Amino acid sequence: MNRGTSSHRWRPIGDGPQRAEFETLSEHLGLSDGVRFHGFQDDPQDWMVESNLLVFPLLDEGMPLVLMQAVQVGLPVIASDIEPVRELTFEGADLPLPGDERSWKGALIKVLEEGPPEVMFVPEKCRELKNG
């Protein structure tokens, strides 16, 4: 990835204690033209239908509802290899390790070079867990 020359646009939604740090980092890396932070959004599904990929780098999660919504609308997802996420995947899904910068960097570079990941989440499991 060349800094400042990417044709990709990153549109993070959500808020948290590290938002200001990430905004500063994107500026420092020369990526601010391609990154726009949108903060908390009431209905992330509205954003999902306009997106090409959900990046979900969580360290811990109870029930990953946003991930489940993304799968239901057919949005490709990269999510951390944690138990609640693994429960929604096909066996052998290649998920980056939570908090592992090298693992996440590799996953993101792969998406940039090869396109979104193949389907690794089971839509039926996402519907069952969310509804049931």
Foldseek 3Di string as FASTA:
>chain_A
DQQQPDPAAAEAEADDPCPVVVCVVCVVSNNNVRYDYDYHDPDCLVVLVVDQEAEAQDPDDDAPLVVLSNVVVPHFYAYAPDVNQVQFFDPPDQHFHRPDPVSVVVQVVCCVVPNGDDGTGDNVSSVVVVVD
